[in-house]
């Protein structure tokens, strides 16, 4: 899909698409929701501190 096609489907300008792709943009929640819907996702947030931090898996010592 071209940037132009993506732009038309999501209603996001081509410039915004380019800036998001290159990491120069800070998209709004609304923009991220538009992109998510295109791929069949919904956007949700998890409050900070509500999920326990995962510990890295322990590696058994070599014999």
N, C-alpha and C. Protein backbone atom coordinates (compact mmCIF):
# COMPACT_ATOMS: atom_id res chain seq x y z
N UNK A 1 0.85 -1.16 0.00
CA UNK A 1 0.00 0.00 0.00
C UNK A 1 0.91 1.24 0.00
N UNK A 2 0.59 2.17 -0.84
CA UNK A 2 1.38 3.40 -0.90
C UNK A 2 0.97 4.35 0.23
N UNK A 3 1.81 5.33 0.48
CA UNK A 3 1.47 6.34 1.48
C UNK A 3 0.19 7.07 1.08
N UNK A 4 0.02 7.31 -0.20
CA UNK A 4 -1.17 8.00 -0.68
C UNK A 4 -2.42 7.17 -0.43
N UNK A 5 -2.36 5.87 -0.72
CA UNK A 5 -3.51 4.99 -0.46
C UNK A 5 -3.81 4.93 1.04
N UNK A 6 -2.76 4.77 1.84
CA UNK A 6 -2.92 4.71 3.28
C UNK A 6 -3.55 6.00 3.80
N UNK A 7 -3.10 7.12 3.25
CA UNK A 7 -3.60 8.42 3.64
C UNK A 7 -5.10 8.54 3.36
N UNK A 8 -5.51 8.11 2.18
CA UNK A 8 -6.92 8.20 1.80
C UNK A 8 -7.80 7.31 2.67
N UNK A 9 -7.34 6.12 2.97
CA UNK A 9 -8.13 5.17 3.76
C UNK A 9 -8.28 5.65 5.20
N UNK A 10 -7.21 6.17 5.79
CA UNK A 10 -7.23 6.56 7.20
C UNK A 10 -7.66 7.99 7.44
N UNK A 11 -7.59 8.82 6.40
CA UNK A 11 -7.91 10.24 6.58
C UNK A 11 -6.76 11.02 7.18
N UNK A 12 -5.58 10.43 7.17
CA UNK A 12 -4.37 11.08 7.68
C UNK A 12 -3.64 11.66 6.47
N UNK A 13 -3.08 12.84 6.60
CA UNK A 13 -2.38 13.43 5.45
C UNK A 13 -1.13 12.64 5.11
N UNK A 14 -0.71 12.74 3.86
CA UNK A 14 0.52 12.06 3.43
C UNK A 14 1.71 12.52 4.25
N UNK A 15 1.74 13.79 4.57
CA UNK A 15 2.85 14.33 5.37
C UNK A 15 2.87 13.66 6.76
N UNK A 16 1.68 13.50 7.37
CA UNK A 16 1.61 12.85 8.67
C UNK A 16 2.10 11.41 8.58
N UNK A 17 1.70 10.71 7.53
CA UNK A 17 2.12 9.33 7.33
C UNK A 17 3.64 9.27 7.25
N UNK A 18 4.23 10.13 6.46
CA UNK A 18 5.69 10.18 6.31
C UNK A 18 6.36 10.46 7.65
N UNK A 19 5.85 11.44 8.39
CA UNK A 19 6.45 11.80 9.66
C UNK A 19 6.30 10.68 10.70
N UNK A 20 5.19 9.97 10.68
CA UNK A 20 5.01 8.84 11.60
C UNK A 20 5.99 7.74 11.23
N UNK A 21 6.10 7.44 9.95
CA UNK A 21 7.01 6.38 9.49
C UNK A 21 8.47 6.67 9.84
N UNK A 22 8.85 7.94 9.80
CA UNK A 22 10.25 8.29 10.04
C UNK A 22 10.53 8.65 11.49
N UNK A 23 9.49 8.57 12.34
CA UNK A 23 9.67 8.86 13.75
C UNK A 23 9.74 10.33 14.09
N UNK A 24 9.35 11.19 13.15
CA UNK A 24 9.41 12.64 13.38
C UNK A 24 8.10 13.17 13.96
N UNK A 25 7.05 12.35 13.98
CA UNK A 25 5.74 12.79 14.44
C UNK A 25 5.44 12.23 15.81
N UNK A 26 4.58 12.90 16.51
CA UNK A 26 4.05 12.43 17.77
C UNK A 26 2.53 12.37 17.57
N UNK A 27 2.02 11.26 16.98
CA UNK A 27 0.61 11.21 16.61
C UNK A 27 -0.32 11.27 17.82
N UNK A 28 -1.48 11.85 17.59
CA UNK A 28 -2.49 11.92 18.64
C UNK A 28 -3.12 10.55 18.83
N UNK A 29 -3.85 10.41 19.92
CA UNK A 29 -4.56 9.15 20.18
C UNK A 29 -5.54 8.88 19.04
N UNK A 30 -6.20 9.91 18.55
CA UNK A 30 -7.15 9.75 17.45
C UNK A 30 -6.46 9.20 16.21
N UNK A 31 -5.29 9.69 15.90
CA UNK A 31 -4.54 9.22 14.73
C UNK A 31 -4.14 7.76 14.90
N UNK A 32 -3.65 7.41 16.08
CA UNK A 32 -3.26 6.02 16.34
C UNK A 32 -4.48 5.11 16.25
N UNK A 33 -5.64 5.58 16.73
CA UNK A 33 -6.87 4.78 16.63
C UNK A 33 -7.26 4.54 15.18
N UNK A 34 -7.12 5.55 14.34
CA UNK A 34 -7.44 5.39 12.91
C UNK A 34 -6.56 4.32 12.27
N UNK A 35 -5.27 4.36 12.60
CA UNK A 35 -4.34 3.38 12.05
C UNK A 35 -4.68 1.99 12.59
N UNK A 36 -4.94 1.91 13.88
CA UNK A 36 -5.26 0.62 14.50
C UNK A 36 -6.50 -0.01 13.87
N UNK A 37 -7.54 0.79 13.66
CA UNK A 37 -8.79 0.27 13.05
C UNK A 37 -8.54 -0.34 11.69
N UNK A 38 -7.65 0.28 10.91
CA UNK A 38 -7.35 -0.23 9.58
C UNK A 38 -6.85 -1.67 9.64
N UNK A 39 -6.11 -1.99 10.70
CA UNK A 39 -5.55 -3.32 10.84
C UNK A 39 -6.36 -4.23 11.76
N UNK A 40 -7.56 -3.75 12.16
CA UNK A 40 -8.44 -4.58 12.98
C UNK A 40 -8.11 -4.57 14.46
N UNK A 41 -7.37 -3.57 14.92
CA UNK A 41 -7.01 -3.48 16.33
C UNK A 41 -7.80 -2.38 17.01
N UNK A 42 -7.91 -2.48 18.31
CA UNK A 42 -8.45 -1.38 19.10
C UNK A 42 -7.34 -0.89 20.02
N UNK A 43 -7.43 0.35 20.39
CA UNK A 43 -6.41 0.96 21.22
C UNK A 43 -6.87 0.93 22.66
N UNK A 44 -5.98 0.54 23.55
CA UNK A 44 -6.27 0.54 24.97
C UNK A 44 -5.04 0.95 25.75
N UNK A 45 -5.28 1.36 26.96
CA UNK A 45 -4.18 1.79 27.80
C UNK A 45 -4.21 1.02 29.10
N UNK A 46 -3.05 0.72 29.62
CA UNK A 46 -2.92 0.04 30.90
C UNK A 46 -2.29 1.04 31.86
N UNK A 47 -2.96 1.31 32.97
CA UNK A 47 -2.40 2.27 33.92
C UNK A 47 -1.02 1.83 34.41
N UNK A 48 -0.13 2.77 34.52
CA UNK A 48 1.23 2.47 34.96
C UNK A 48 1.18 1.86 36.36
N UNK A 49 1.94 0.81 36.54
CA UNK A 49 2.00 0.15 37.83
C UNK A 49 0.93 -0.89 38.06
N UNK A 50 0.02 -1.08 37.11
CA UNK A 50 -1.04 -2.06 37.31
C UNK A 50 -0.63 -3.47 36.90
N UNK A 51 0.45 -3.59 36.16
CA UNK A 51 0.94 -4.89 35.73
C UNK A 51 2.31 -5.10 36.38
N UNK A 52 2.48 -6.20 37.11
CA UNK A 52 3.78 -6.42 37.75
C UNK A 52 4.88 -6.53 36.72
N UNK A 53 6.02 -5.98 37.06
CA UNK A 53 7.17 -6.06 36.16
C UNK A 53 7.60 -7.51 36.02
N UNK A 54 7.89 -7.92 34.81
CA UNK A 54 8.33 -9.29 34.58
C UNK A 54 9.83 -9.40 34.85
N UNK A 55 10.20 -10.47 35.47
CA UNK A 55 11.60 -10.75 35.72
C UNK A 55 12.17 -11.48 34.51
N UNK A 56 13.40 -11.21 34.13
CA UNK A 56 13.98 -11.94 33.00
C UNK A 56 14.07 -13.42 33.35
N UNK A 57 13.90 -14.27 32.35
CA UNK A 57 13.97 -15.71 32.63
C UNK A 57 15.35 -16.08 33.15
N UNK A 58 15.37 -16.98 34.12
CA UNK A 58 16.66 -17.40 34.65
C UNK A 58 17.27 -18.44 33.71
N UNK A 59 18.55 -18.37 33.58
CA UNK A 59 19.27 -19.29 32.70
C UNK A 59 20.00 -20.28 33.60
N UNK A 60 19.73 -21.58 33.41
CA UNK A 60 20.42 -22.56 34.24
C UNK A 60 21.93 -22.53 33.96
N UNK A 61 22.74 -22.77 34.98
CA UNK A 61 24.19 -22.76 34.76
C UNK A 61 24.62 -23.88 33.83
N UNK A 62 25.65 -23.62 33.08
CA UNK A 62 26.20 -24.62 32.16
C UNK A 62 26.89 -25.72 32.96
N UNK A 63 26.78 -26.99 32.50
CA UNK A 63 27.43 -28.09 33.24
C UNK A 63 28.94 -28.03 33.16
